Amino acid sequence: MLGLGDLNLRARLAPGTPTWVTEWVCASICAALAGLLRLGLDMMLPAPPPYVFLFPFVLLATLLAGWRSGLIALALILLGVWYMVLFHARFGPLDSSEGAALALNALSGAAVVGVAQAFRTAYAQVEAERAAKLETRELLLRELNHRVKNNFQMVESLIDMQRRRAADAGSEQALGDALRRVRSMATAHAYLYSPDDAGETIDLGAYLGELCENLADGLLLSGRVRLETALGACPVGRDRAVAAGLVVNELVTNAAKYAFPDGRAGRILVSLRDDGAGCSLTVADDGVGMAAGALATSRGLGRKLVEGFAKRSGGTLVRNEGPGVSHTLVLPH
């Protein structure tokens, strides 16, 4: 929907067009439209009021190009009324009633110009205050994002330091898993909550592509295990994208840890497609698979996190048949 700022011709045409040109052209067009409509009304009514279109077009000229344009339009319309209506095809002396009516309408038109200009001024002040508040808000948001980013980096450093000092393999593995989760959340924050992109939805495919690049680096996959992607465009809400990214983080991490034991070669594929009704996000590997009954008896943190993130995303997580392990998260639109 257009606001008054979008209709401000002086601001929109400047500096290419001089202000006085915009004012005169706008006033002339408004006066011409008033005259044409008055001529059309003559064909339908026997004696239409002479000033019927005065105030609407004076108001329009003022709103579009300012008070000078409104006064010019007022003068042109009054001259047109005098020439076309009061004395056809010529200017002539007015009697007392016609002169009083012309003067009264001139004063009323001037009052309309004044009110319209006051509205323009008030609107401009409100827009300036709004712009200043938005600028302040953007600065605060940038500062907040910068602090959050620094906090994520600090947490990552602390966890990594503790992981390096872990006394046993189990602790080191748990801290490594925690480190990857924190990095996944940091990536989500950096990608999804940038003040430069304030839309409510983002492209899940683009976000997951960046996430998978970071995962491939963080998991230190060997050349025999590849992390591949086939990601189409899929617009989703920001919170849903974060949850879906955390699902991918857990599933890819589990595949990298358990699907390829003893130096086995293979690949992990993350794919995303939009079928119209929703988005289907699949994480699959061609590894050794899971033992029969392992899924039913699993109570690990990873599985709980996957189920929780899938629920938070508003989607349904299903396990697919395959030579390895494959899960699909269906995200309805």
C-alpha atoms as a PDB file:
ATOM      1  CA  MET A   1       0.000   0.000   0.000  1.00  0.00           C
ATOM      2  CA  LEU A   2       1.368   3.403  -0.964  1.00  0.00           C
ATOM      3  CA  GLY A   3       1.968   5.975   1.758  1.00  0.00           C
ATOM      4  CA  LEU A   4       2.063   9.740   1.465  1.00  0.00           C
ATOM      5  CA  GLY A   5       5.840   9.624   1.177  1.00  0.00           C
ATOM      6  CA  ASP A   6       5.497   7.537  -1.993  1.00  0.00           C
ATOM      7  CA  LEU A   7       3.191  10.194  -3.498  1.00  0.00           C
ATOM      8  CA  ASN A   8       5.446  13.162  -2.721  1.00  0.00           C
ATOM      9  CA  LEU A   9       6.309  14.150  -6.287  1.00  0.00           C
ATOM     10  CA  ARG A  10       8.751  16.872  -5.316  1.00  0.00           C
ATOM     11  CA  ALA A  11      10.898  14.408  -3.372  1.00  0.00           C
ATOM     12  CA  ARG A  12      10.571  11.586  -5.898  1.00  0.00           C
ATOM     13  CA  LEU A  13      11.436  13.701  -8.962  1.00  0.00           C
ATOM     14  CA  ALA A  14      14.210  15.740  -7.325  1.00  0.00           C
ATOM     15  CA  PRO A  15      16.939  16.575  -8.143  1.00  0.00           C
ATOM     16  CA  GLY A  16      16.403  15.669 -11.787  1.00  0.00           C
ATOM     17  CA  THR A  17      13.352  17.923 -12.069  1.00  0.00           C
ATOM     18  CA  PRO A  18      13.376  21.415 -10.488  1.00  0.00           C
ATOM     19  CA  THR A  19      10.878  21.874  -7.675  1.00  0.00           C
ATOM     20  CA  TRP A  20       9.060  24.745  -9.372  1.00  0.00           C
ATOM     21  CA  VAL A  21       8.537  22.658 -12.510  1.00  0.00           C
ATOM     22  CA  THR A  22       7.006  19.829 -10.495  1.00  0.00           C
ATOM     23  CA  GLU A  23       4.720  22.261  -8.654  1.00  0.00           C
ATOM     24  CA  TRP A  24       3.473  23.967 -11.818  1.00  0.00           C
ATOM     25  CA  VAL A  25       2.999  20.746 -13.782  1.00  0.00           C
ATOM     26  CA  CYS A  26       1.133  19.065 -10.911  1.00  0.00           C
ATOM     27  CA  ALA A  27      -1.086  22.111 -10.381  1.00  0.00           C
ATOM     28  CA  SER A  28      -1.820  22.418 -14.099  1.00  0.00           C
ATOM     29  CA  ILE A  29      -2.768  18.750 -14.412  1.00  0.00           C
ATOM     30  CA  CYS A  30      -5.065  18.949 -11.381  1.00  0.00           C
ATOM     31  CA  ALA A  31      -6.713  22.107 -12.728  1.00  0.00           C
ATOM     32  CA  ALA A  32      -7.144  20.529 -16.185  1.00  0.00           C
ATOM     33  CA  LEU A  33      -8.738  17.425 -14.661  1.00  0.00           C
ATOM     34  CA  ALA A  34     -11.125  19.593 -12.656  1.00  0.00           C
ATOM     35  CA  GLY A  35     -12.088  21.459 -15.839  1.00  0.00           C
ATOM     36  CA  LEU A  36     -12.600  18.269 -17.872  1.00  0.00           C
ATOM     37  CA  LEU A  37     -14.763  16.725 -15.172  1.00  0.00           C
ATOM     38  CA  ARG A  38     -16.773  19.938 -14.960  1.00  0.00           C
ATOM     39  CA  LEU A  39     -17.380  19.842 -18.726  1.00  0.00           C
ATOM     40  CA  GLY A  40     -18.461  16.204 -18.460  1.00  0.00           C
ATOM     41  CA  LEU A  41     -20.832  17.084 -15.647  1.00  0.00           C
ATOM     42  CA  ASP A  42     -22.390  19.784 -17.830  1.00  0.00           C
ATOM     43  CA  MET A  43     -23.557  17.047 -20.199  1.00  0.00           C
ATOM     44  CA  MET A  44     -25.378  15.163 -17.461  1.00  0.00           C
ATOM     45  CA  LEU A  45     -26.791  17.895 -15.216  1.00  0.00           C
ATOM     46  CA  PRO A  46     -28.615  21.037 -16.339  1.00  0.00           C
ATOM     47  CA  ALA A  47     -26.865  23.421 -13.937  1.00  0.00           C
ATOM     48  CA  PRO A  48     -24.115  21.774 -11.862  1.00  0.00           C
ATOM     49  CA  PRO A  49     -22.468  23.793  -9.060  1.00  0.00           C
ATOM     50  CA  PRO A  50     -19.592  25.863 -10.471  1.00  0.00           C
ATOM     51  CA  TYR A  51     -17.121  24.943  -7.727  1.00  0.00           C
ATOM     52  CA  VAL A  52     -17.950  21.237  -7.472  1.00  0.00           C
ATOM     53  CA  PHE A  53     -14.414  19.974  -8.236  1.00  0.00           C
ATOM     54  CA  LEU A  54     -12.467  22.822  -6.651  1.00  0.00           C
ATOM     55  CA  PHE A  55     -11.590  21.371  -3.263  1.00  0.00           C
ATOM     56  CA  PRO A  56     -10.718  17.764  -4.231  1.00  0.00           C
ATOM     57  CA  PHE A  57      -8.146  18.808  -6.828  1.00  0.00           C
ATOM     58  CA  VAL A  58      -6.696  21.621  -4.725  1.00  0.00           C
ATOM     59  CA  LEU A  59      -6.247  19.060  -1.950  1.00  0.00           C
ATOM     60  CA  LEU A  60      -4.680  16.586  -4.374  1.00  0.00           C
ATOM     61  CA  ALA A  61      -2.220  19.148  -5.761  1.00  0.00           C
ATOM     62  CA  THR A  62      -1.140  20.114  -2.236  1.00  0.00           C
ATOM     63  CA  LEU A  63      -0.615  16.531  -1.116  1.00  0.00           C
ATOM     64  CA  LEU A  64       1.369  15.679  -4.225  1.00  0.00           C
ATOM     65  CA  ALA A  65       3.594  18.734  -4.580  1.00  0.00           C
ATOM     66  CA  GLY A  66       3.178  21.049  -1.593  1.00  0.00           C
ATOM     67  CA  TRP A  67       1.360  24.230  -0.681  1.00  0.00           C
ATOM     68  CA  ARG A  68       2.613  26.311  -3.631  1.00  0.00           C
ATOM     69  CA  SER A  69       1.234  23.734  -6.049  1.00  0.00           C
ATOM     70  CA  GLY A  70      -2.070  23.801  -4.156  1.00  0.00           C
ATOM     71  CA  LEU A  71      -2.331  27.600  -4.405  1.00  0.00           C
ATOM     72  CA  ILE A  72      -1.455  27.507  -8.112  1.00  0.00           C
ATOM     73  CA  ALA A  73      -4.132  24.862  -8.705  1.00  0.00           C
ATOM     74  CA  LEU A  74      -6.616  26.965  -6.716  1.00  0.00           C
ATOM     75  CA  ALA A  75      -5.894  30.056  -8.797  1.00  0.00           C
ATOM     76  CA  LEU A  76      -6.134  28.144 -12.097  1.00  0.00           C
ATOM     77  CA  ILE A  77      -9.431  26.487 -11.155  1.00  0.00           C
ATOM     78  CA  LEU A  78     -10.955  29.760  -9.977  1.00  0.00           C
ATOM     79  CA  LEU A  79      -9.909  31.437 -13.225  1.00  0.00           C
ATOM     80  CA  GLY A  80     -11.414  28.513 -15.114  1.00  0.00           C
ATOM     81  CA  VAL A  81     -14.688  28.841 -13.230  1.00  0.00           C
ATOM     82  CA  TRP A  82     -14.753  32.569 -13.957  1.00  0.00           C
ATOM     83  CA  TYR A  83     -13.971  32.021 -17.639  1.00  0.00           C
ATOM     84  CA  MET A  84     -16.029  28.890 -18.381  1.00  0.00           C
ATOM     85  CA  VAL A  85     -18.975  29.016 -15.996  1.00  0.00           C
ATOM     86  CA  LEU A  86     -19.693  32.527 -14.793  1.00  0.00           C
ATOM     87  CA  PHE A  87     -18.972  34.089 -18.199  1.00  0.00           C
ATOM     88  CA  HIS A  88     -18.725  31.632 -21.053  1.00  0.00           C
ATOM     89  CA  ALA A  89     -15.670  32.137 -23.272  1.00  0.00           C
ATOM     90  CA  ARG A  90     -14.695  35.457 -21.697  1.00  0.00           C
ATOM     91  CA  PHE A  91     -13.824  37.158 -18.434  1.00  0.00           C
ATOM     92  CA  GLY A  92     -16.351  39.704 -17.341  1.00  0.00           C
ATOM     93  CA  PRO A  93     -17.437  41.725 -14.327  1.00  0.00           C
ATOM     94  CA  LEU A  94     -19.081  39.790 -11.522  1.00  0.00           C
ATOM     95  CA  ASP A  95     -22.126  40.899  -9.601  1.00  0.00           C
ATOM     96  CA  SER A  96     -21.971  41.067  -5.828  1.00  0.00           C
ATOM     97  CA  SER A  97     -23.242  37.522  -5.215  1.00  0.00           C
ATOM     98  CA  GLU A  98     -20.894  35.951  -7.788  1.00  0.00           C
ATOM     99  CA  GLY A  99     -17.938  37.963  -6.490  1.00  0.00           C
ATOM    100  CA  ALA A 100     -18.715  36.988  -2.918  1.00  0.00           C
ATOM    101  CA  ALA A 101     -19.020  33.326  -3.912  1.00  0.00           C
ATOM    102  CA  LEU A 102     -15.711  33.457  -5.790  1.00  0.00           C
ATOM    103  CA  ALA A 103     -13.947  35.116  -2.851  1.00  0.00           C
ATOM    104  CA  LEU A 104     -15.477  32.708  -0.345  1.00  0.00           C
ATOM    105  CA  ASN A 105     -14.391  29.694  -2.353  1.00  0.00           C
ATOM    106  CA  ALA A 106     -10.927  31.193  -2.740  1.00  0.00           C
ATOM    107  CA  LEU A 107     -10.627  31.551   1.039  1.00  0.00           C
ATOM    108  CA  SER A 108     -12.013  28.050   1.592  1.00  0.00           C
ATOM    109  CA  GLY A 109      -9.582  26.673  -0.962  1.00  0.00           C
ATOM    110  CA  ALA A 110      -6.703  28.436   0.758  1.00  0.00           C
ATOM    111  CA  ALA A 111      -7.819  26.897   4.049  1.00  0.00           C
ATOM    112  CA  VAL A 112      -7.782  23.455   2.402  1.00  0.00           C
ATOM    113  CA  VAL A 113      -4.234  24.132   1.201  1.00  0.00           C
ATOM    114  CA  GLY A 114      -3.193  25.121   4.723  1.00  0.00           C
ATOM    115  CA  VAL A 115      -4.710  22.018   6.314  1.00  0.00           C
ATOM    116  CA  ALA A 116      -3.201  19.734   3.678  1.00  0.00           C
ATOM    117  CA  GLN A 117       0.225  21.333   4.096  1.00  0.00           C
ATOM    118  CA  ALA A 118      -0.003  20.954   7.879  1.00  0.00           C
ATOM    119  CA  PHE A 119      -0.784  17.284   7.353  1.00  0.00           C
ATOM    120  CA  ARG A 120       2.214  16.942   5.024  1.00  0.00           C
ATOM    121  CA  THR A 121       4.479  18.579   7.599  1.00  0.00           C
ATOM    122  CA  ALA A 122       3.212  16.373  10.412  1.00  0.00           C
ATOM    123  CA  TYR A 123       3.609  13.287   8.258  1.00  0.00           C
ATOM    124  CA  ALA A 124       7.178  14.265   7.360  1.00  0.00           C
ATOM    125  CA  GLN A 125       8.019  14.713  11.051  1.00  0.00           C
ATOM    126  CA  VAL A 126       6.545  11.320  11.915  1.00  0.00           C
ATOM    127  CA  GLU A 127       8.501   9.692   9.086  1.00  0.00           C
ATOM    128  CA  ALA A 128      11.723  11.359  10.244  1.00  0.00           C
ATOM    129  CA  GLU A 129      11.152  10.154  13.827  1.00  0.00           C
ATOM    130  CA  ARG A 130      10.347   6.673  12.563  1.00  0.00           C
ATOM    131  CA  ALA A 131      13.508   6.581  10.444  1.00  0.00           C
ATOM    132  CA  ALA A 132      15.586   7.695  13.437  1.00  0.00           C
ATOM    133  CA  LYS A 133      14.050   4.971  15.626  1.00  0.00           C
ATOM    134  CA  LEU A 134      14.677   2.338  12.963  1.00  0.00           C
ATOM    135  CA  GLU A 135      18.289   3.435  12.651  1.00  0.00           C
ATOM    136  CA  THR A 136      18.738   3.229  16.425  1.00  0.00           C
ATOM    137  CA  ARG A 137      17.067  -0.174  16.487  1.00  0.00           C
ATOM    138  CA  GLU A 138      19.347  -1.423  13.713  1.00  0.00           C
ATOM    139  CA  LEU A 139      22.433  -0.229  15.582  1.00  0.00           C
ATOM    140  CA  LEU A 140      21.271  -1.956  18.768  1.00  0.00           C
ATOM    141  CA  LEU A 141      20.486  -5.140  16.857  1.00  0.00           C
ATOM    142  CA  ARG A 142      23.905  -5.135  15.225  1.00  0.00           C
ATOM    143  CA  GLU A 143      25.537  -4.668  18.608  1.00  0.00           C
ATOM    144  CA  LEU A 144      23.447  -7.497  20.085  1.00  0.00           C
ATOM    145  CA  ASN A 145      24.325  -9.819  17.207  1.00  0.00           C
ATOM    146  CA  HIS A 146      27.993  -8.941  17.590  1.00  0.00           C
ATOM    147  CA  ARG A 147      27.886  -9.757  21.306  1.00  0.00           C
ATOM    148  CA  VAL A 148      26.038 -13.033  20.700  1.00  0.00           C
ATOM    149  CA  LYS A 149      28.594 -14.017  18.061  1.00  0.00           C
ATOM    150  CA  ASN A 150      31.427 -13.291  20.494  1.00  0.00           C
ATOM    151  CA  ASN A 151      29.663 -15.311  23.195  1.00  0.00           C
ATOM    152  CA  PHE A 152      29.318 -18.284  20.846  1.00  0.00           C
ATOM    153  CA  GLN A 153      33.017 -18.086  20.025  1.00  0.00           C
ATOM    154  CA  MET A 154      33.892 -17.953  23.711  1.00  0.00           C
ATOM    155  CA  VAL A 155      31.740 -20.994  24.474  1.00  0.00           C
ATOM    156  CA  GLU A 156      33.286 -22.879  21.549  1.00  0.00           C
ATOM    157  CA  SER A 157      36.786 -22.069  22.788  1.00  0.00           C
ATOM    158  CA  LEU A 158      36.000 -23.195  26.327  1.00  0.00           C
ATOM    159  CA  ILE A 159      34.444 -26.467  25.195  1.00  0.00           C
ATOM    160  CA  ASP A 160      37.287 -27.149  22.768  1.00  0.00           C
ATOM    161  CA  MET A 161      39.842 -26.438  25.483  1.00  0.00           C
ATOM    162  CA  GLN A 162      38.077 -28.823  27.855  1.00  0.00           C
ATOM    163  CA  ARG A 163      37.833 -31.446  25.106  1.00  0.00           C
ATOM    164  CA  ARG A 164      41.570 -31.319  24.537  1.00  0.00           C
ATOM    165  CA  ARG A 165      42.171 -31.845  28.259  1.00  0.00           C
ATOM    166  CA  ALA A 166      39.706 -34.716  28.590  1.00  0.00           C
ATOM    167  CA  ALA A 167      41.206 -37.695  30.400  1.00  0.00           C
ATOM    168  CA  ASP A 168      39.214 -40.406  28.614  1.00  0.00           C
ATOM    169  CA  ALA A 169      37.840 -41.016  25.130  1.00  0.00           C
ATOM    170  CA  GLY A 170      34.228 -40.928  26.296  1.00  0.00           C
ATOM    171  CA  SER A 171      34.530 -37.437  27.724  1.00  0.00           C
ATOM    172  CA  GLU A 172      36.397 -36.234  24.670  1.00  0.00           C
ATOM    173  CA  GLN A 173      33.691 -37.594  22.384  1.00  0.00           C
ATOM    174  CA  ALA A 174      30.874 -36.034  24.440  1.00  0.00           C
ATOM    175  CA  LEU A 175      32.597 -32.663  24.468  1.00  0.00           C
ATOM    176  CA  GLY A 176      33.225 -32.944  20.726  1.00  0.00           C
ATOM    177  CA  ASP A 177      29.530 -33.568  20.135  1.00  0.00           C
ATOM    178  CA  ALA A 178      28.666 -30.562  22.305  1.00  0.00           C
ATOM    179  CA  LEU A 179      31.158 -28.445  20.383  1.00  0.00           C
ATOM    180  CA  ARG A 180      29.578 -29.355  17.042  1.00  0.00           C
ATOM    181  CA  ARG A 181      26.100 -28.503  18.381  1.00  0.00           C
ATOM    182  CA  VAL A 182      27.279 -25.120  19.577  1.00  0.00           C
ATOM    183  CA  ARG A 183      28.915 -24.467  16.205  1.00  0.00           C
ATOM    184  CA  SER A 184      25.688 -25.448  14.453  1.00  0.00           C
ATOM    185  CA  MET A 185      23.735 -22.980  16.584  1.00  0.00           C
ATOM    186  CA  ALA A 186      26.337 -20.289  15.941  1.00  0.00           C
ATOM    187  CA  THR A 187      26.007 -20.876  12.185  1.00  0.00           C
ATOM    188  CA  ALA A 188      22.233 -20.672  12.484  1.00  0.00           C
ATOM    189  CA  HIS A 189      22.448 -17.387  14.353  1.00  0.00           C
ATOM    190  CA  ALA A 190      24.934 -15.865  11.914  1.00  0.00           C
ATOM    191  CA  TYR A 191      22.873 -16.895   8.876  1.00  0.00           C
ATOM    192  CA  LEU A 192      19.322 -16.471  10.118  1.00  0.00           C
ATOM    193  CA  TYR A 193      19.413 -13.450  12.398  1.00  0.00           C
ATOM    194  CA  SER A 194      21.400 -10.957  10.411  1.00  0.00           C
ATOM    195  CA  PRO A 195      19.901  -7.416  10.661  1.00  0.00           C
ATOM    196  CA  ASP A 196      20.496  -7.013   6.918  1.00  0.00           C
ATOM    197  CA  ASP A 197      17.856  -9.661   6.200  1.00  0.00           C
ATOM    198  CA  ALA A 198      14.800  -8.986   8.308  1.00  0.00           C
ATOM    199  CA  GLY A 199      12.313 -11.097   6.387  1.00  0.00           C
ATOM    200  CA  GLU A 200      10.200 -13.679   8.179  1.00  0.00           C
ATOM    201  CA  THR A 201      11.259 -16.536   5.892  1.00  0.00           C
ATOM    202  CA  ILE A 202      14.608 -17.706   4.531  1.00  0.00           C
ATOM    203  CA  ASP A 203      15.773 -20.225   1.960  1.00  0.00           C
ATOM    204  CA  LEU A 204      16.315 -23.443   3.895  1.00  0.00           C
ATOM    205  CA  GLY A 205      18.387 -24.919   1.068  1.00  0.00           C
ATOM    206  CA  ALA A 206      20.935 -22.095   1.128  1.00  0.00           C
ATOM    207  CA  TYR A 207      21.213 -22.253   4.908  1.00  0.00           C
ATOM    208  CA  LEU A 208      21.696 -26.040   4.950  1.00  0.00           C
ATOM    209  CA  GLY A 209      24.360 -25.749   2.247  1.00  0.00           C
ATOM    210  CA  GLU A 210      26.437 -23.470   4.466  1.00  0.00           C
ATOM    211  CA  LEU A 211      25.764 -25.675   7.487  1.00  0.00           C
ATOM    212  CA  CYS A 212      26.939 -28.807   5.658  1.00  0.00           C
ATOM    213  CA  GLU A 213      30.158 -27.106   4.586  1.00  0.00           C
ATOM    214  CA  ASN A 214      30.896 -26.305   8.216  1.00  0.00           C
ATOM    215  CA  LEU A 215      29.968 -29.842   9.264  1.00  0.00           C
ATOM    216  CA  ALA A 216      32.309 -31.384   6.707  1.00  0.00           C
ATOM    217  CA  ASP A 217      35.159 -29.280   8.079  1.00  0.00           C
ATOM    218  CA  GLY A 218      34.262 -29.853  11.725  1.00  0.00           C
ATOM    219  CA  LEU A 219      33.840 -33.623  11.433  1.00  0.00           C
ATOM    220  CA  LEU A 220      37.219 -33.985   9.696  1.00  0.00           C
ATOM    221  CA  LEU A 221      35.801 -36.461   7.197  1.00  0.00           C
ATOM    222  CA  SER A 222      38.442 -38.486   5.400  1.00  0.00           C
ATOM    223  CA  GLY A 223      38.651 -38.640   1.635  1.00  0.00           C
ATOM    224  CA  ARG A 224      36.917 -42.017   1.717  1.00  0.00           C
ATOM    225  CA  VAL A 225      33.771 -40.544   3.312  1.00  0.00           C
ATOM    226  CA  ARG A 226      32.092 -37.707   1.437  1.00  0.00           C
ATOM    227  CA  LEU A 227      29.374 -35.337   2.583  1.00  0.00           C
ATOM    228  CA  GLU A 228      27.291 -34.420  -0.477  1.00  0.00           C
ATOM    229  CA  THR A 229      24.269 -32.165  -0.855  1.00  0.00           C
ATOM    230  CA  ALA A 230      21.358 -31.847  -3.273  1.00  0.00           C
ATOM    231  CA  LEU A 231      19.494 -28.876  -1.905  1.00  0.00           C
ATOM    232  CA  GLY A 232      16.638 -27.166  -3.693  1.00  0.00           C
ATOM    233  CA  ALA A 233      15.044 -23.877  -2.706  1.00  0.00           C
ATOM    234  CA  CYS A 234      12.501 -24.079   0.101  1.00  0.00           C
ATOM    235  CA  PRO A 235      11.240 -20.994   1.967  1.00  0.00           C
ATOM    236  CA  VAL A 236      10.505 -21.625   5.646  1.00  0.00           C
ATOM    237  CA  GLY A 237      10.247 -19.583   8.819  1.00  0.00           C
ATOM    238  CA  ARG A 238      13.432 -18.743  10.666  1.00  0.00           C
ATOM    239  CA  ASP A 239      12.694 -20.765  13.808  1.00  0.00           C
ATOM    240  CA  ARG A 240      11.739 -23.812  11.737  1.00  0.00           C
ATOM    241  CA  ALA A 241      14.962 -23.477   9.749  1.00  0.00           C
ATOM    242  CA  VAL A 242      17.027 -23.454  12.950  1.00  0.00           C
ATOM    243  CA  ALA A 243      15.306 -26.632  14.183  1.00  0.00           C
ATOM    244  CA  ALA A 244      15.718 -28.360  10.805  1.00  0.00           C
ATOM    245  CA  GLY A 245      19.405 -27.412  10.746  1.00  0.00           C
ATOM    246  CA  LEU A 246      19.920 -28.944  14.179  1.00  0.00           C
ATOM    247  CA  VAL A 247      18.233 -32.159  12.974  1.00  0.00           C
ATOM    248  CA  VAL A 248      20.697 -32.275  10.069  1.00  0.00           C
ATOM    249  CA  ASN A 249      23.578 -31.602  12.442  1.00  0.00           C
ATOM    250  CA  GLU A 250      22.674 -34.577  14.649  1.00  0.00           C
ATOM    251  CA  LEU A 251      21.969 -37.005  11.802  1.00  0.00           C
ATOM    252  CA  VAL A 252      25.108 -36.143   9.842  1.00  0.00           C
ATOM    253  CA  THR A 253      27.230 -36.345  12.997  1.00  0.00           C
ATOM    254  CA  ASN A 254      25.812 -39.782  13.871  1.00  0.00           C
ATOM    255  CA  ALA A 255      26.404 -41.032  10.324  1.00  0.00           C
ATOM    256  CA  ALA A 256      30.007 -39.805  10.352  1.00  0.00           C
ATOM    257  CA  LYS A 257      30.649 -41.498  13.709  1.00  0.00           C
ATOM    258  CA  TYR A 258      28.948 -44.860  13.252  1.00  0.00           C
ATOM    259  CA  ALA A 259      28.150 -45.603   9.589  1.00  0.00           C
ATOM    260  CA  PHE A 260      31.691 -46.169   8.324  1.00  0.00           C
ATOM    261  CA  PRO A 261      33.744 -48.184  10.830  1.00  0.00           C
ATOM    262  CA  ASP A 262      37.259 -49.512  10.160  1.00  0.00           C
ATOM    263  CA  GLY A 263      37.995 -47.034   7.349  1.00  0.00           C
ATOM    264  CA  ARG A 264      34.968 -48.042   5.271  1.00  0.00           C
ATOM    265  CA  ALA A 265      34.321 -45.798   2.242  1.00  0.00           C
ATOM    266  CA  GLY A 266      30.972 -44.200   1.543  1.00  0.00           C
ATOM    267  CA  ARG A 267      28.967 -41.017   1.402  1.00  0.00           C
ATOM    268  CA  ILE A 268      26.456 -39.035   3.404  1.00  0.00           C
ATOM    269  CA  LEU A 269      23.808 -37.250   1.332  1.00  0.00           C
ATOM    270  CA  VAL A 270      21.702 -34.333   2.522  1.00  0.00           C
ATOM    271  CA  SER A 271      18.893 -33.558   0.078  1.00  0.00           C
ATOM    272  CA  LEU A 272      16.003 -31.111   0.114  1.00  0.00           C
ATOM    273  CA  ARG A 273      13.119 -30.765  -2.297  1.00  0.00           C
ATOM    274  CA  ASP A 274       9.877 -28.827  -2.353  1.00  0.00           C
ATOM    275  CA  ASP A 275       6.960 -30.882  -3.642  1.00  0.00           C
ATOM    276  CA  GLY A 276       4.404 -28.079  -3.387  1.00  0.00           C
ATOM    277  CA  ALA A 277       2.671 -29.313  -0.245  1.00  0.00           C
ATOM    278  CA  GLY A 278       5.846 -29.116   1.806  1.00  0.00           C
ATOM    279  CA  CYS A 279       9.599 -29.663   1.957  1.00  0.00           C
ATOM    280  CA  SER A 280      11.221 -33.075   2.284  1.00  0.00           C
ATOM    281  CA  LEU A 281      14.609 -33.027   3.983  1.00  0.00           C
ATOM    282  CA  THR A 282      16.518 -36.323   3.816  1.00  0.00           C
ATOM    283  CA  VAL A 283      19.783 -37.329   5.445  1.00  0.00           C
ATOM    284  CA  ALA A 284      20.997 -40.720   4.172  1.00  0.00           C
ATOM    285  CA  ASP A 285      24.196 -42.712   4.194  1.00  0.00           C
ATOM    286  CA  ASP A 286      25.314 -45.931   2.519  1.00  0.00           C
ATOM    287  CA  GLY A 287      27.127 -47.245   5.543  1.00  0.00           C
ATOM    288  CA  VAL A 288      26.732 -50.398   7.628  1.00  0.00           C
ATOM    289  CA  GLY A 289      23.263 -49.452   8.854  1.00  0.00           C
ATOM    290  CA  MET A 290      21.764 -50.097  12.271  1.00  0.00           C
ATOM    291  CA  ALA A 291      21.405 -53.458  13.903  1.00  0.00           C
ATOM    292  CA  ALA A 292      17.929 -54.910  14.193  1.00  0.00           C
ATOM    293  CA  GLY A 293      16.158 -53.462  17.219  1.00  0.00           C
ATOM    294  CA  ALA A 294      18.816 -50.809  17.817  1.00  0.00           C
ATOM    295  CA  LEU A 295      16.444 -47.944  17.026  1.00  0.00           C
ATOM    296  CA  ALA A 296      13.769 -49.208  19.384  1.00  0.00           C
ATOM    297  CA  THR A 297      16.196 -49.631  22.292  1.00  0.00           C
ATOM    298  CA  SER A 298      18.185 -46.432  21.697  1.00  0.00           C
ATOM    299  CA  ARG A 299      17.853 -43.872  24.491  1.00  0.00           C
ATOM    300  CA  GLY A 300      20.877 -41.730  23.681  1.00  0.00           C
ATOM    301  CA  LEU A 301      20.991 -37.955  23.837  1.00  0.00           C
ATOM    302  CA  GLY A 302      21.400 -37.735  20.064  1.00  0.00           C
ATOM    303  CA  ARG A 303      18.109 -39.486  19.378  1.00  0.00           C
ATOM    304  CA  LYS A 304      16.268 -37.350  21.932  1.00  0.00           C
ATOM    305  CA  LEU A 305      17.697 -34.205  20.394  1.00  0.00           C
ATOM    306  CA  VAL A 306      16.709 -35.280  16.873  1.00  0.00           C
ATOM    307  CA  GLU A 307      13.150 -36.038  17.971  1.00  0.00           C
ATOM    308  CA  GLY A 308      12.912 -32.774  19.900  1.00  0.00           C
ATOM    309  CA  PHE A 309      14.261 -30.636  17.055  1.00  0.00           C
ATOM    310  CA  ALA A 310      11.985 -32.400  14.552  1.00  0.00           C
ATOM    311  CA  LYS A 311       8.962 -31.634  16.723  1.00  0.00           C
ATOM    312  CA  ARG A 312      10.047 -28.027  17.116  1.00  0.00           C
ATOM    313  CA  SER A 313      10.334 -27.650  13.347  1.00  0.00           C
ATOM    314  CA  GLY A 314       6.666 -28.595  12.991  1.00  0.00           C
ATOM    315  CA  GLY A 315       7.588 -31.543  10.793  1.00  0.00           C
ATOM    316  CA  THR A 316       7.398 -35.323  10.895  1.00  0.00           C
ATOM    317  CA  LEU A 317      10.550 -37.437  11.025  1.00  0.00           C
ATOM    318  CA  VAL A 318      10.382 -40.884   9.405  1.00  0.00           C
ATOM    319  CA  ARG A 319      13.019 -43.567   8.847  1.00  0.00           C
ATOM    320  CA  ASN A 320      13.403 -44.851   5.311  1.00  0.00           C
ATOM    321  CA  GLU A 321      14.435 -48.257   4.033  1.00  0.00           C
ATOM    322  CA  GLY A 322      17.885 -48.451   2.570  1.00  0.00           C
ATOM    323  CA  PRO A 323      21.269 -50.094   2.618  1.00  0.00           C
ATOM    324  CA  GLY A 324      22.433 -47.631   5.277  1.00  0.00           C
ATOM    325  CA  VAL A 325      20.515 -45.281   7.551  1.00  0.00           C
ATOM    326  CA  SER A 326      18.127 -42.734   6.060  1.00  0.00           C
ATOM    327  CA  HIS A 327      15.750 -40.286   7.705  1.00  0.00           C
ATOM    328  CA  THR A 328      13.345 -37.820   6.108  1.00  0.00           C
ATOM    329  CA  LEU A 329      11.956 -34.750   7.828  1.00  0.00           C
ATOM    330  CA  VAL A 330       8.703 -33.657   6.156  1.00  0.00           C
ATOM    331  CA  LEU A 331       8.018 -29.949   6.694  1.00  0.00           C
ATOM    332  CA  PRO A 332       4.500 -28.923   5.574  1.00  0.00           C
ATOM    333  CA  HIS A 333       4.054 -25.404   4.272  1.00  0.00           C
END
